[in-house]
C-alpha cells in the first residue's frame, strides 16, 4: 500500500511498562510490538497481531483492520496492558 499513515478506527489505550497513552496508527502498533522483549515478541498472540497489521498495510481493507485491532487489543489484555475505561 502507500506510505500514508493508516490510522486505527479508534485509538487503543495502553498502559504498559515504558508506554502510557494511546496507539492511534498501524505504524505505532507495529513499533510497539517490535519493541517488546524477545520472550514476549515470540508469543503467538503478538506474532499474529503483527502479521495482521502488516496485512492491513498491504491491503488497506477494513476487514483486515478489524481483525488486527481485535487481536492487538486481546494481546494487550492478556498482558494486562489494555487501559480499560473506569
N, C-alpha and C. Protein backbone atom coordinates (compact mmCIF):
# COMPACT_ATOMS: atom_id res chain seq x y z
N UNK A 1 0.83 -1.18 0.00
CA UNK A 1 0.00 0.00 0.00
C UNK A 1 0.88 1.24 0.00
N UNK A 2 0.29 2.38 0.18
CA UNK A 2 1.04 3.63 0.17
C UNK A 2 1.73 3.92 1.48
N UNK A 3 2.55 4.98 1.51
CA UNK A 3 3.30 5.33 2.71
C UNK A 3 2.53 6.26 3.64
N UNK A 4 1.28 6.58 3.31
CA UNK A 4 0.49 7.43 4.19
C UNK A 4 0.18 6.67 5.48
N UNK A 5 0.09 7.39 6.61
CA UNK A 5 -0.22 6.70 7.85
C UNK A 5 -1.62 6.09 7.78
N UNK A 6 -1.74 4.89 8.28
CA UNK A 6 -3.03 4.21 8.35
C UNK A 6 -3.46 4.27 9.81
N UNK A 7 -4.51 5.03 10.07
CA UNK A 7 -4.99 5.20 11.43
C UNK A 7 -5.91 4.06 11.83
N UNK A 8 -5.87 3.71 13.10
CA UNK A 8 -6.80 2.74 13.65
C UNK A 8 -8.17 3.40 13.71
N UNK A 9 -9.25 2.62 13.64
CA UNK A 9 -10.59 3.22 13.70
C UNK A 9 -10.80 4.02 14.99
N UNK A 10 -10.25 3.51 16.08
CA UNK A 10 -10.31 4.18 17.39
C UNK A 10 -8.96 3.94 18.06
N UNK A 11 -8.33 4.97 18.60
CA UNK A 11 -7.05 4.76 19.30
C UNK A 11 -7.20 3.71 20.41
N UNK A 12 -6.16 2.93 20.59
CA UNK A 12 -6.16 1.88 21.61
C UNK A 12 -5.38 2.38 22.82
N UNK A 13 -6.06 2.47 23.98
CA UNK A 13 -5.39 2.96 25.19
C UNK A 13 -4.48 1.89 25.78
N UNK A 14 -3.24 2.27 26.03
CA UNK A 14 -2.22 1.32 26.51
C UNK A 14 -1.61 1.82 27.81
N UNK A 15 -1.41 0.86 28.73
CA UNK A 15 -0.68 1.14 29.96
C UNK A 15 0.28 -0.03 30.16
N UNK A 16 1.42 0.07 29.49
CA UNK A 16 2.43 -0.99 29.53
C UNK A 16 3.71 -0.40 30.14
N UNK A 17 4.62 -1.28 30.56
CA UNK A 17 5.89 -0.78 31.07
C UNK A 17 6.57 0.11 30.02
N UNK A 18 6.84 1.34 30.39
CA UNK A 18 7.51 2.26 29.48
C UNK A 18 6.61 2.90 28.44
N UNK A 19 5.31 2.61 28.49
CA UNK A 19 4.41 3.19 27.49
C UNK A 19 3.03 3.41 28.09
N UNK A 20 2.63 4.67 28.15
CA UNK A 20 1.27 5.03 28.56
C UNK A 20 0.73 5.99 27.54
N UNK A 21 -0.50 5.79 27.18
CA UNK A 21 -1.13 6.67 26.21
C UNK A 21 -1.93 5.86 25.21
N UNK A 22 -2.10 6.43 24.04
CA UNK A 22 -2.89 5.77 23.02
C UNK A 22 -2.05 5.41 21.81
N UNK A 23 -2.38 4.30 21.21
CA UNK A 23 -1.78 3.91 19.94
C UNK A 23 -2.84 4.17 18.88
N UNK A 24 -2.53 5.05 17.94
CA UNK A 24 -3.54 5.53 17.00
C UNK A 24 -3.33 5.09 15.56
N UNK A 25 -2.18 4.49 15.25
CA UNK A 25 -1.93 4.11 13.86
C UNK A 25 -1.33 2.72 13.77
N UNK A 26 -1.38 2.16 12.59
CA UNK A 26 -0.77 0.85 12.34
C UNK A 26 0.72 0.91 12.60
N UNK A 27 1.38 1.98 12.14
CA UNK A 27 2.83 2.10 12.36
C UNK A 27 3.17 2.13 13.85
N UNK A 28 2.39 2.85 14.64
CA UNK A 28 2.62 2.89 16.09
C UNK A 28 2.43 1.51 16.71
N UNK A 29 1.40 0.79 16.28
CA UNK A 29 1.15 -0.55 16.81
C UNK A 29 2.31 -1.48 16.46
N UNK A 30 2.77 -1.42 15.22
CA UNK A 30 3.90 -2.27 14.81
C UNK A 30 5.16 -1.90 15.57
N UNK A 31 5.40 -0.62 15.77
CA UNK A 31 6.57 -0.18 16.54
C UNK A 31 6.49 -0.69 17.98
N UNK A 32 5.29 -0.63 18.56
CA UNK A 32 5.09 -1.14 19.92
C UNK A 32 5.42 -2.63 19.99
N UNK A 33 4.89 -3.40 19.05
CA UNK A 33 5.13 -4.85 19.04
C UNK A 33 6.62 -5.13 18.81
N UNK A 34 7.24 -4.39 17.90
CA UNK A 34 8.65 -4.62 17.59
C UNK A 34 9.57 -4.30 18.77
N UNK A 35 9.11 -3.49 19.71
CA UNK A 35 9.92 -3.12 20.86
C UNK A 35 9.67 -3.99 22.09
N UNK A 36 8.83 -5.01 21.93
CA UNK A 36 8.58 -5.92 23.05
C UNK A 36 9.84 -6.72 23.36
N UNK A 37 10.01 -7.14 24.60
CA UNK A 37 11.11 -8.04 24.92
C UNK A 37 10.97 -9.33 24.09
N UNK A 38 12.08 -9.93 23.68
CA UNK A 38 12.04 -11.11 22.81
C UNK A 38 11.15 -12.24 23.33
N UNK A 39 11.14 -12.45 24.65
CA UNK A 39 10.33 -13.55 25.19
C UNK A 39 8.83 -13.30 24.98
N UNK A 40 8.41 -12.04 24.92
CA UNK A 40 7.01 -11.73 24.62
C UNK A 40 6.76 -11.69 23.11
N UNK A 41 7.68 -11.08 22.39
CA UNK A 41 7.50 -10.93 20.94
C UNK A 41 7.33 -12.26 20.23
N UNK A 42 7.88 -13.33 20.80
CA UNK A 42 7.77 -14.66 20.19
C UNK A 42 6.43 -15.33 20.45
N UNK A 43 5.66 -14.81 21.38
CA UNK A 43 4.36 -15.42 21.68
C UNK A 43 3.41 -15.26 20.50
N UNK A 44 2.62 -16.27 20.26
CA UNK A 44 1.75 -16.27 19.08
C UNK A 44 0.78 -15.09 19.06
N UNK A 45 0.32 -14.65 20.22
CA UNK A 45 -0.63 -13.53 20.22
C UNK A 45 0.00 -12.27 19.62
N UNK A 46 1.30 -12.06 19.87
CA UNK A 46 1.97 -10.88 19.33
C UNK A 46 2.39 -11.09 17.88
N UNK A 47 2.87 -12.27 17.53
CA UNK A 47 3.26 -12.50 16.14
C UNK A 47 2.04 -12.45 15.23
N UNK A 48 0.89 -12.92 15.72
CA UNK A 48 -0.33 -12.87 14.93
C UNK A 48 -0.80 -11.42 14.76
N UNK A 49 -0.78 -10.63 15.82
CA UNK A 49 -1.16 -9.22 15.72
C UNK A 49 -0.26 -8.49 14.73
N UNK A 50 1.03 -8.77 14.81
CA UNK A 50 1.99 -8.13 13.89
C UNK A 50 1.68 -8.51 12.44
N UNK A 51 1.44 -9.79 12.20
CA UNK A 51 1.13 -10.24 10.84
C UNK A 51 -0.15 -9.60 10.32
N UNK A 52 -1.15 -9.47 11.19
CA UNK A 52 -2.41 -8.85 10.76
C UNK A 52 -2.21 -7.37 10.43
N UNK A 53 -1.41 -6.66 11.20
CA UNK A 53 -1.16 -5.25 10.89
C UNK A 53 -0.38 -5.11 9.58
N UNK A 54 0.53 -6.03 9.31
CA UNK A 54 1.21 -5.99 8.01
C UNK A 54 0.23 -6.24 6.88
N UNK A 55 -0.74 -7.08 7.10
CA UNK A 55 -1.77 -7.33 6.09
C UNK A 55 -2.60 -6.07 5.86
N UNK A 56 -2.89 -5.33 6.92
CA UNK A 56 -3.61 -4.05 6.78
C UNK A 56 -2.80 -3.10 5.90
N UNK A 57 -1.50 -3.02 6.16
CA UNK A 57 -0.66 -2.14 5.34
C UNK A 57 -0.69 -2.56 3.88
N UNK A 58 -0.71 -3.87 3.65
CA UNK A 58 -0.68 -4.39 2.29
C UNK A 58 -2.01 -4.18 1.57
N UNK A 59 -3.12 -4.46 2.24
CA UNK A 59 -4.42 -4.46 1.56
C UNK A 59 -5.25 -3.21 1.78
N UNK A 60 -5.12 -2.62 2.98
CA UNK A 60 -5.95 -1.46 3.31
C UNK A 60 -7.41 -1.81 3.55
N UNK A 61 -7.74 -3.07 3.66
CA UNK A 61 -9.14 -3.49 3.83
C UNK A 61 -9.60 -3.33 5.27
N UNK A 62 -10.83 -2.84 5.42
CA UNK A 62 -11.38 -2.65 6.77
C UNK A 62 -11.54 -3.98 7.50
N UNK A 63 -11.83 -5.05 6.78
CA UNK A 63 -11.96 -6.37 7.40
C UNK A 63 -10.64 -6.77 8.06
N UNK A 64 -9.52 -6.51 7.36
CA UNK A 64 -8.21 -6.80 7.92
C UNK A 64 -7.91 -5.93 9.12
N UNK A 65 -8.32 -4.66 9.06
CA UNK A 65 -8.10 -3.74 10.17
C UNK A 65 -8.86 -4.20 11.40
N UNK A 66 -10.11 -4.60 11.22
CA UNK A 66 -10.90 -5.06 12.37
C UNK A 66 -10.24 -6.26 13.04
N UNK A 67 -9.77 -7.20 12.25
CA UNK A 67 -9.11 -8.39 12.80
C UNK A 67 -7.82 -8.01 13.52
N UNK A 68 -7.05 -7.10 12.93
CA UNK A 68 -5.77 -6.69 13.53
C UNK A 68 -6.00 -5.99 14.86
N UNK A 69 -6.93 -5.06 14.90
CA UNK A 69 -7.19 -4.31 16.13
C UNK A 69 -7.74 -5.25 17.20
N UNK A 70 -8.62 -6.16 16.83
CA UNK A 70 -9.17 -7.12 17.79
C UNK A 70 -8.05 -7.97 18.40
N UNK A 71 -7.13 -8.46 17.56
CA UNK A 71 -6.03 -9.28 18.04
C UNK A 71 -5.07 -8.46 18.92
N UNK A 72 -4.80 -7.24 18.50
CA UNK A 72 -3.91 -6.35 19.26
C UNK A 72 -4.50 -6.08 20.65
N UNK A 73 -5.79 -5.74 20.69
CA UNK A 73 -6.44 -5.48 21.97
C UNK A 73 -6.41 -6.73 22.86
N UNK A 74 -6.62 -7.89 22.27
CA UNK A 74 -6.60 -9.14 23.05
C UNK A 74 -5.20 -9.40 23.61
N UNK A 75 -4.18 -9.18 22.78
CA UNK A 75 -2.80 -9.38 23.24
C UNK A 75 -2.48 -8.42 24.39
N UNK A 76 -2.89 -7.16 24.25
CA UNK A 76 -2.68 -6.19 25.33
C UNK A 76 -3.43 -6.62 26.59
N UNK A 77 -4.63 -7.07 26.43
CA UNK A 77 -5.44 -7.51 27.55
C UNK A 77 -4.80 -8.70 28.26
N UNK A 78 -4.25 -9.64 27.49
CA UNK A 78 -3.59 -10.80 28.08
C UNK A 78 -2.41 -10.39 28.96
N UNK A 79 -1.73 -9.31 28.58
CA UNK A 79 -0.60 -8.81 29.37
C UNK A 79 -1.05 -7.86 30.47
N UNK A 80 -2.34 -7.57 30.51
CA UNK A 80 -2.92 -6.58 31.43
C UNK A 80 -2.38 -5.18 31.13
N UNK A 81 -2.22 -4.91 29.83
CA UNK A 81 -1.71 -3.61 29.39
C UNK A 81 -2.77 -2.78 28.68
N UNK A 82 -3.95 -3.31 28.54
CA UNK A 82 -5.02 -2.55 27.90
C UNK A 82 -5.65 -1.66 28.96
N UNK A 83 -5.60 -0.37 28.72
CA UNK A 83 -6.16 0.59 29.68
C UNK A 83 -7.68 0.58 29.49
N UNK A 84 -8.36 0.02 30.46
CA UNK A 84 -9.81 -0.06 30.39
C UNK A 84 -10.43 1.22 30.93
N UNK A 85 -11.58 1.59 30.37
CA UNK A 85 -12.28 2.76 30.87
C UNK A 85 -12.75 2.50 32.30
N UNK A 86 -12.62 3.49 33.13
CA UNK A 86 -13.04 3.33 34.54
C UNK A 86 -14.53 3.41 34.66
